Amino acid sequence: MKQNQFNSFQWKRSWIVGTLISFITVWFLFFDTHSLLTKIQLENQKKELIERTKQYEQQTAELEEKIENLQKNPELLERIVREDYGMKKPNETVYRIERTN
């Protein structure tokens, strides 16, 4: 009879330990602040931010090239100022012609 009680106790103990280990595993995989799910989300966010940084660096290089071109070419600067901003020289009359399709 003692052997039967011992087996029953050992079975209960192993069930409790197994349940506890399962709970801890699930906790660390999904619910903890350092969980696997959180790490995957942070890694994806990091990749997205790196990609956006590359895009911004490319845009910055393009804008710096445009600035350099405008500084070297005053005719281009004057054309942009006249066409895009509608500015004119003193005592100059500007006529805008709109084209219709």
N, C-alpha and C. Protein backbone atom coordinates (compact mmCIF):
# COMPACT_ATOMS: atom_id res chain seq x y z
N MET A 1 0.81 -1.19 0.00
CA MET A 1 0.00 0.00 0.00
C MET A 1 0.86 1.26 0.00
N LYS A 2 1.98 1.18 0.68
CA LYS A 2 2.87 2.32 0.69
C LYS A 2 3.42 2.59 -0.70
N GLN A 3 3.70 1.52 -1.43
CA GLN A 3 4.21 1.68 -2.79
C GLN A 3 3.17 2.38 -3.67
N ASN A 4 1.89 2.06 -3.52
CA ASN A 4 0.82 2.66 -4.30
C ASN A 4 0.67 4.14 -3.96
N GLN A 5 0.78 4.49 -2.67
CA GLN A 5 0.70 5.90 -2.27
C GLN A 5 1.90 6.67 -2.80
N PHE A 6 3.06 6.03 -2.78
CA PHE A 6 4.27 6.68 -3.28
C PHE A 6 4.16 6.95 -4.78
N ASN A 7 3.64 5.98 -5.54
CA ASN A 7 3.44 6.19 -6.98
C ASN A 7 2.43 7.30 -7.24
N SER A 8 1.37 7.35 -6.43
CA SER A 8 0.36 8.38 -6.59
C SER A 8 0.95 9.75 -6.29
N PHE A 9 1.74 9.83 -5.22
CA PHE A 9 2.38 11.10 -4.87
C PHE A 9 3.38 11.51 -5.95
N GLN A 10 4.15 10.58 -6.46
CA GLN A 10 5.14 10.87 -7.49
C GLN A 10 4.44 11.34 -8.77
N TRP A 11 3.31 10.72 -9.10
CA TRP A 11 2.55 11.13 -10.29
C TRP A 11 2.02 12.54 -10.12
N LYS A 12 1.48 12.86 -8.93
CA LYS A 12 0.96 14.21 -8.67
C LYS A 12 2.09 15.24 -8.73
N ARG A 13 3.21 14.87 -8.15
CA ARG A 13 4.34 15.78 -8.16
C ARG A 13 4.84 16.03 -9.57
N SER A 14 4.95 15.02 -10.38
CA SER A 14 5.42 15.20 -11.76
C SER A 14 4.39 15.99 -12.57
N TRP A 15 3.11 15.80 -12.30
CA TRP A 15 2.07 16.57 -12.99
C TRP A 15 2.16 18.05 -12.61
N ILE A 16 2.38 18.33 -11.32
CA ILE A 16 2.51 19.71 -10.86
C ILE A 16 3.75 20.36 -11.46
N VAL A 17 4.86 19.65 -11.45
CA VAL A 17 6.10 20.19 -12.02
C VAL A 17 5.93 20.43 -13.52
N GLY A 18 5.32 19.49 -14.22
CA GLY A 18 5.08 19.65 -15.66
C GLY A 18 4.19 20.84 -15.95
N THR A 19 3.14 21.01 -15.16
CA THR A 19 2.23 22.13 -15.33
C THR A 19 2.97 23.44 -15.06
N LEU A 20 3.76 23.46 -14.01
CA LEU A 20 4.52 24.66 -13.66
C LEU A 20 5.52 25.02 -14.76
N ILE A 21 6.22 24.04 -15.29
CA ILE A 21 7.17 24.29 -16.37
C ILE A 21 6.44 24.79 -17.62
N SER A 22 5.30 24.20 -17.92
CA SER A 22 4.52 24.65 -19.08
C SER A 22 4.05 26.09 -18.90
N PHE A 23 3.58 26.42 -17.70
CA PHE A 23 3.12 27.78 -17.43
C PHE A 23 4.27 28.78 -17.58
N ILE A 24 5.42 28.45 -17.02
CA ILE A 24 6.58 29.34 -17.10
C ILE A 24 7.01 29.52 -18.56
N THR A 25 7.01 28.43 -19.32
CA THR A 25 7.39 28.50 -20.73
C THR A 25 6.43 29.40 -21.51
N VAL A 26 5.15 29.21 -21.32
CA VAL A 26 4.15 30.03 -22.01
C VAL A 26 4.30 31.49 -21.58
N TRP A 27 4.54 31.72 -20.31
CA TRP A 27 4.70 33.09 -19.80
C TRP A 27 5.86 33.80 -20.49
N PHE A 28 7.01 33.12 -20.53
CA PHE A 28 8.19 33.76 -21.13
C PHE A 28 8.08 33.87 -22.65
N LEU A 29 7.35 32.98 -23.29
CA LEU A 29 7.22 33.06 -24.74
C LEU A 29 6.28 34.18 -25.18
N PHE A 30 5.21 34.45 -24.42
CA PHE A 30 4.18 35.36 -24.90
C PHE A 30 3.88 36.56 -24.02
N PHE A 31 4.02 36.46 -22.72
CA PHE A 31 3.51 37.51 -21.84
C PHE A 31 4.57 38.37 -21.16
N ASP A 32 5.76 37.91 -21.02
CA ASP A 32 6.81 38.65 -20.34
C ASP A 32 7.29 39.81 -21.21
N THR A 33 7.86 40.83 -20.58
CA THR A 33 8.36 41.99 -21.34
C THR A 33 9.54 41.61 -22.23
N HIS A 34 10.20 40.53 -21.93
CA HIS A 34 11.32 40.05 -22.74
C HIS A 34 10.91 38.79 -23.51
N SER A 35 9.65 38.71 -23.87
CA SER A 35 9.14 37.50 -24.51
C SER A 35 9.64 37.38 -25.94
N LEU A 36 9.51 36.20 -26.46
CA LEU A 36 9.91 35.92 -27.83
C LEU A 36 9.08 36.75 -28.81
N LEU A 37 7.80 36.87 -28.54
CA LEU A 37 6.91 37.66 -29.39
C LEU A 37 7.34 39.13 -29.43
N THR A 38 7.69 39.67 -28.27
CA THR A 38 8.15 41.06 -28.19
C THR A 38 9.46 41.24 -28.95
N LYS A 39 10.35 40.28 -28.83
CA LYS A 39 11.63 40.38 -29.54
C LYS A 39 11.43 40.34 -31.05
N ILE A 40 10.50 39.52 -31.51
CA ILE A 40 10.22 39.45 -32.95
C ILE A 40 9.64 40.77 -33.43
N GLN A 41 8.70 41.33 -32.65
CA GLN A 41 8.10 42.61 -33.03
C GLN A 41 9.15 43.72 -33.06
N LEU A 42 10.03 43.74 -32.08
CA LEU A 42 11.08 44.76 -32.04
C LEU A 42 12.06 44.60 -33.19
N GLU A 43 12.36 43.38 -33.57
CA GLU A 43 13.26 43.13 -34.68
C GLU A 43 12.64 43.61 -35.99
N ASN A 44 11.34 43.36 -36.17
CA ASN A 44 10.65 43.85 -37.36
C ASN A 44 10.62 45.37 -37.40
N GLN A 45 10.37 45.97 -36.24
CA GLN A 45 10.36 47.43 -36.16
C GLN A 45 11.74 48.00 -36.47
N LYS A 46 12.77 47.34 -36.00
CA LYS A 46 14.14 47.77 -36.26
C LYS A 46 14.44 47.73 -37.76
N LYS A 47 14.03 46.64 -38.44
CA LYS A 47 14.25 46.53 -39.88
C LYS A 47 13.52 47.64 -40.63
N GLU A 48 12.30 47.93 -40.21
CA GLU A 48 11.51 48.99 -40.85
C GLU A 48 12.19 50.35 -40.66
N LEU A 49 12.68 50.61 -39.46
CA LEU A 49 13.35 51.89 -39.20
C LEU A 49 14.65 52.02 -39.98
N ILE A 50 15.37 50.93 -40.13
CA ILE A 50 16.61 50.96 -40.91
C ILE A 50 16.28 51.26 -42.37
N GLU A 51 15.21 50.65 -42.89
CA GLU A 51 14.81 50.91 -44.28
C GLU A 51 14.40 52.37 -44.46
N ARG A 52 13.63 52.91 -43.52
CA ARG A 52 13.21 54.30 -43.61
C ARG A 52 14.41 55.23 -43.52
N THR A 53 15.39 54.87 -42.70
CA THR A 53 16.61 55.68 -42.57
C THR A 53 17.35 55.71 -43.90
N LYS A 54 17.43 54.58 -44.59
CA LYS A 54 18.08 54.53 -45.90
C LYS A 54 17.35 55.43 -46.89
N GLN A 55 16.01 55.39 -46.86
CA GLN A 55 15.23 56.24 -47.77
C GLN A 55 15.49 57.71 -47.48
N TYR A 56 15.51 58.08 -46.20
CA TYR A 56 15.75 59.47 -45.84
C TYR A 56 17.16 59.91 -46.21
N GLU A 57 18.13 59.02 -46.08
CA GLU A 57 19.49 59.36 -46.48
C GLU A 57 19.56 59.59 -47.99
N GLN A 58 18.84 58.78 -48.76
CA GLN A 58 18.80 58.96 -50.21
C GLN A 58 18.13 60.29 -50.56
N GLN A 59 17.01 60.60 -49.91
CA GLN A 59 16.34 61.87 -50.16
C GLN A 59 17.23 63.06 -49.80
N THR A 60 17.95 62.93 -48.70
CA THR A 60 18.87 63.99 -48.27
C THR A 60 19.95 64.21 -49.31
N ALA A 61 20.50 63.11 -49.84
CA ALA A 61 21.55 63.24 -50.87
C ALA A 61 21.00 63.92 -52.11
N GLU A 62 19.77 63.56 -52.52
CA GLU A 62 19.17 64.19 -53.69
C GLU A 62 18.94 65.68 -53.45
N LEU A 63 18.45 66.04 -52.26
CA LEU A 63 18.21 67.45 -51.96
C LEU A 63 19.52 68.24 -51.89
N GLU A 64 20.56 67.64 -51.34
CA GLU A 64 21.85 68.33 -51.29
C GLU A 64 22.39 68.55 -52.70
N GLU A 65 22.16 67.59 -53.59
CA GLU A 65 22.59 67.76 -54.98
C GLU A 65 21.81 68.89 -55.65
N LYS A 66 20.51 68.97 -55.39
CA LYS A 66 19.71 70.06 -55.95
C LYS A 66 20.19 71.42 -55.43
N ILE A 67 20.48 71.49 -54.15
CA ILE A 67 20.98 72.74 -53.56
C ILE A 67 22.29 73.14 -54.21
N GLU A 68 23.16 72.17 -54.39
CA GLU A 68 24.45 72.45 -55.02
C GLU A 68 24.26 72.95 -56.45
N ASN A 69 23.34 72.32 -57.19
CA ASN A 69 23.06 72.76 -58.56
C ASN A 69 22.49 74.18 -58.58
N LEU A 70 21.63 74.50 -57.64
CA LEU A 70 21.05 75.85 -57.59
C LEU A 70 22.11 76.89 -57.23
N GLN A 71 23.06 76.52 -56.38
CA GLN A 71 24.11 77.46 -56.01
C GLN A 71 25.08 77.71 -57.17
N LYS A 72 25.29 76.69 -58.00
CA LYS A 72 26.22 76.82 -59.11
C LYS A 72 25.58 77.42 -60.36
N ASN A 73 24.25 77.32 -60.48
CA ASN A 73 23.57 77.73 -61.70
C ASN A 73 22.50 78.77 -61.38
N PRO A 74 22.84 80.06 -61.47
CA PRO A 74 21.86 81.10 -61.14
C PRO A 74 20.69 81.15 -62.12
N GLU A 75 20.91 80.74 -63.37
CA GLU A 75 19.81 80.73 -64.34
C GLU A 75 18.73 79.73 -63.92
N LEU A 76 19.15 78.59 -63.43
CA LEU A 76 18.20 77.57 -62.96
C LEU A 76 17.42 78.09 -61.75
N LEU A 77 18.12 78.76 -60.86
CA LEU A 77 17.46 79.33 -59.69
C LEU A 77 16.44 80.38 -60.11
N GLU A 78 16.80 81.22 -61.05
CA GLU A 78 15.88 82.26 -61.52
C GLU A 78 14.65 81.64 -62.19
N ARG A 79 14.87 80.60 -62.99
CA ARG A 79 13.74 79.94 -63.66
C ARG A 79 12.78 79.32 -62.65
N ILE A 80 13.31 78.68 -61.63
CA ILE A 80 12.47 78.07 -60.60
C ILE A 80 11.68 79.13 -59.84
N VAL A 81 12.37 80.22 -59.48
CA VAL A 81 11.71 81.30 -58.74
C VAL A 81 10.59 81.91 -59.58
N ARG A 82 10.82 82.09 -60.85
CA ARG A 82 9.80 82.69 -61.73
C ARG A 82 8.64 81.72 -61.95
N GLU A 83 8.94 80.45 -62.26
CA GLU A 83 7.88 79.51 -62.62
C GLU A 83 7.09 79.01 -61.40
N ASP A 84 7.79 78.67 -60.38
CA ASP A 84 7.11 78.05 -59.23
C ASP A 84 6.52 79.07 -58.27
N TYR A 85 7.18 80.20 -58.11
CA TYR A 85 6.75 81.17 -57.10
C TYR A 85 6.17 82.45 -57.69
N GLY A 86 6.17 82.57 -59.01
CA GLY A 86 5.56 83.71 -59.67
C GLY A 86 6.24 85.03 -59.38
N MET A 87 7.51 85.01 -59.07
CA MET A 87 8.22 86.25 -58.80
C MET A 87 8.66 86.89 -60.10
N LYS A 88 8.92 88.18 -60.06
CA LYS A 88 9.32 88.92 -61.26
C LYS A 88 10.36 89.96 -60.88
N LYS A 89 11.00 90.46 -61.89
CA LYS A 89 11.97 91.53 -61.69
C LYS A 89 11.21 92.85 -61.57
N PRO A 90 11.84 93.86 -60.96
CA PRO A 90 11.17 95.17 -60.88
C PRO A 90 10.87 95.72 -62.29
N ASN A 91 9.74 96.38 -62.41
CA ASN A 91 9.30 96.98 -63.68
C ASN A 91 9.13 95.94 -64.79
N GLU A 92 8.76 94.73 -64.42
CA GLU A 92 8.56 93.68 -65.41
C GLU A 92 7.10 93.23 -65.33
N THR A 93 6.50 92.98 -66.45
CA THR A 93 5.13 92.50 -66.48
C THR A 93 5.15 91.02 -66.86
N VAL A 94 4.42 90.22 -66.10
CA VAL A 94 4.40 88.79 -66.34
C VAL A 94 3.02 88.41 -66.87
N TYR A 95 3.01 87.68 -67.97
CA TYR A 95 1.76 87.17 -68.53
C TYR A 95 1.76 85.66 -68.38
N ARG A 96 0.70 85.16 -67.77
CA ARG A 96 0.59 83.70 -67.61
C ARG A 96 -0.39 83.19 -68.65
N ILE A 97 0.03 82.16 -69.34
CA ILE A 97 -0.81 81.55 -70.36
C ILE A 97 -1.14 80.14 -69.88
N GLU A 98 -2.41 79.89 -69.70
CA GLU A 98 -2.83 78.56 -69.28
C GLU A 98 -3.29 77.78 -70.49
N ARG A 99 -2.81 76.58 -70.59
CA ARG A 99 -3.14 75.73 -71.72
C ARG A 99 -4.30 74.82 -71.34
N THR A 100 -5.22 74.66 -72.28
CA THR A 100 -6.33 73.73 -72.06
C THR A 100 -6.18 72.58 -73.02
N ASN A 101 -6.63 71.45 -72.59
CA ASN A 101 -6.52 70.25 -73.44
C ASN A 101 -7.63 70.18 -74.45
